[in-house]
C-alpha cells in the first residue's frame, strides 16, 4: 500500500506547551489515520521529530510499504538526509528511532513542503494545543 504522511509539531514558547500531529493520506486523498498528542513542555524540534515517529508507527501498523513524507520542518528534512548533523543530545534518540522506522519501508521519499501544504497536520497540532 502507498500513502503520504504529513507530520508537524508545535510548541507555544520554545520550550513550551507542545504537541505533535501526523496525518496519513491514501493516494486518492482520503485520510487513513490521524495521530496527535500533547507532549507537555517541550521544544518545537522535539515536537517535530515526535510527529514524524508517530506517523511512521501508524503507517507501519496500517501496512504501508511505500511512503511519501511531507514535513514543513526544514531542519528535520536536512537532518534525515544527512545534510545537517543532529547536535542536540535530546534529539539523537528521536533521530535514531526515526531512521530505524524508515528502514522498515520498501520505499520512502522525504520532502520539505511549505506550511500551507501541511495544513492538516498543522491544524491537528493546534487543535490539541487549544484543548489544553
Protein backbone atom coordinates (compact mmCIF):
# COMPACT_ATOMS: atom_id res chain seq x y z
CA UNK A 1 0.00 0.00 0.00
CA UNK A 2 1.13 3.54 -0.75
CA UNK A 3 0.44 6.58 1.41
CA UNK A 4 1.55 10.13 2.11
CA UNK A 5 2.46 11.19 5.62
CA UNK A 6 2.09 14.82 6.63
CA UNK A 7 3.67 15.49 10.04
CA UNK A 8 4.07 18.62 12.13
CA UNK A 9 4.97 19.59 15.65
CA UNK A 10 4.49 22.79 17.53
CA UNK A 11 5.49 24.44 20.78
CA UNK A 12 3.87 27.56 22.18
CA UNK A 13 7.01 29.03 23.59
CA UNK A 14 10.23 27.24 22.91
CA UNK A 15 10.21 25.27 25.10
CA UNK A 16 6.55 25.48 25.93
CA UNK A 17 3.33 23.52 25.71
CA UNK A 18 3.93 21.22 22.74
CA UNK A 19 2.02 18.79 20.56
CA UNK A 20 2.65 16.54 17.60
CA UNK A 21 0.36 15.71 14.71
CA UNK A 22 0.56 13.29 11.82
CA UNK A 23 -1.94 12.61 9.06
CA UNK A 24 -1.71 9.63 6.72
CA UNK A 25 -3.43 10.05 3.37
CA UNK A 26 -4.30 7.47 0.72
CA UNK A 27 -3.42 8.12 -2.92
CA UNK A 28 -6.88 9.49 -3.64
CA UNK A 29 -6.70 11.96 -0.77
CA UNK A 30 -8.74 10.09 1.84
CA UNK A 31 -7.48 10.35 5.41
CA UNK A 32 -6.31 6.91 6.55
CA UNK A 33 -5.38 7.91 10.08
CA UNK A 34 -4.69 10.94 12.28
CA UNK A 35 -2.29 10.64 15.19
CA UNK A 36 -1.75 13.52 17.56
CA UNK A 37 -0.82 14.03 21.17
CA UNK A 38 0.05 16.59 23.77
CA UNK A 39 3.73 16.35 24.76
CA UNK A 40 3.90 18.58 27.83
CA UNK A 41 6.62 21.21 27.96
CA UNK A 42 8.97 20.51 25.05
CA UNK A 43 10.83 22.26 22.27
CA UNK A 44 9.48 22.67 18.76
CA UNK A 45 12.17 20.30 17.44
CA UNK A 46 11.16 17.52 19.84
CA UNK A 47 7.54 18.01 18.72
CA UNK A 48 8.54 17.82 15.02
CA UNK A 49 10.53 14.61 15.49
CA UNK A 50 7.78 13.05 17.63
CA UNK A 51 5.18 13.78 14.95
CA UNK A 52 7.33 12.03 12.35
CA UNK A 53 7.89 8.99 14.58
CA UNK A 54 4.19 8.70 15.48
CA UNK A 55 3.27 8.95 11.79
CA UNK A 56 5.81 6.29 10.83
CA UNK A 57 4.45 3.95 13.51
CA UNK A 58 0.90 4.48 12.24
CA UNK A 59 1.98 3.83 8.65
CA UNK A 60 3.68 0.62 9.70
CA UNK A 61 0.56 -0.50 11.63
CA UNK A 62 -1.57 0.09 8.52
CA UNK A 63 0.77 -1.98 6.36
CA UNK A 64 2.05 0.89 4.23
CA UNK A 65 5.06 -0.21 2.17
CA UNK A 66 5.71 2.89 0.05
CA UNK A 67 5.61 6.19 1.88
CA UNK A 68 5.87 9.80 0.76
CA UNK A 69 6.74 12.03 3.73
CA UNK A 70 5.96 15.74 3.72
CA UNK A 71 7.35 17.92 6.50
CA UNK A 72 7.42 21.67 6.93
CA UNK A 73 10.46 21.40 9.21
CA UNK A 74 13.45 22.06 7.01
CA UNK A 75 15.72 21.11 9.91
CA UNK A 76 14.25 17.61 10.26
CA UNK A 77 14.36 17.03 6.49
CA UNK A 78 18.01 18.09 6.33
CA UNK A 79 18.96 16.02 9.38
CA UNK A 80 17.26 12.94 7.90
CA UNK A 81 19.09 13.42 4.60
CA UNK A 82 22.44 13.81 6.34
CA UNK A 83 22.92 17.43 5.25
CA UNK A 84 22.84 18.51 8.90
CA UNK A 85 24.11 16.62 11.92
CA UNK A 86 21.87 16.05 14.92
CA UNK A 87 23.81 18.03 17.52
CA UNK A 88 21.41 18.23 20.46
CA UNK A 89 21.56 15.22 22.77
CA UNK A 90 17.81 15.14 23.39
CA UNK A 91 17.14 14.83 19.63
CA UNK A 92 19.58 11.99 18.96
CA UNK A 93 17.33 9.19 20.30
CA UNK A 94 14.43 10.57 18.23
CA UNK A 95 16.62 10.67 15.11
CA UNK A 96 17.81 7.09 15.74
CA UNK A 97 14.23 5.87 16.24
CA UNK A 98 13.02 7.61 13.07
CA UNK A 99 15.88 6.18 10.99
CA UNK A 100 15.13 2.67 12.28
CA UNK A 101 11.44 3.03 11.42
CA UNK A 102 12.25 4.38 7.95
CA UNK A 103 14.24 1.24 7.18
CA UNK A 104 11.04 -0.84 7.58
CA UNK A 105 9.52 0.59 4.39
CA UNK A 106 10.21 -0.62 0.83
CA UNK A 107 10.41 2.94 -0.49
CA UNK A 108 10.45 6.33 1.20
CA UNK A 109 10.52 9.80 -0.32
CA UNK A 110 11.03 12.74 2.05
CA UNK A 111 10.34 16.32 1.00
CA UNK A 112 10.16 19.70 2.67
CA UNK A 113 6.88 21.50 1.97
CA UNK A 114 5.70 24.99 2.89
CA UNK A 115 3.47 25.22 5.95
CA UNK A 116 0.40 25.88 3.78
CA UNK A 117 0.85 22.45 2.16
CA UNK A 118 0.98 20.82 5.60
CA UNK A 119 -2.25 22.33 6.89
CA UNK A 120 -3.95 19.11 8.06
CA UNK A 121 -1.10 18.17 10.40
CA UNK A 122 -0.69 21.80 11.50
CA UNK A 123 -4.42 22.03 12.29
CA UNK A 124 -4.23 18.82 14.33
CA UNK A 125 -1.36 20.24 16.41
CA UNK A 126 -3.23 23.49 17.01
CA UNK A 127 -6.43 21.65 17.91
CA UNK A 128 -4.56 19.63 20.55
CA UNK A 129 -2.84 22.74 21.96
CA UNK A 130 -6.10 24.70 22.01
CA UNK A 131 -7.71 21.95 24.12
CA UNK A 132 -5.08 22.40 26.84
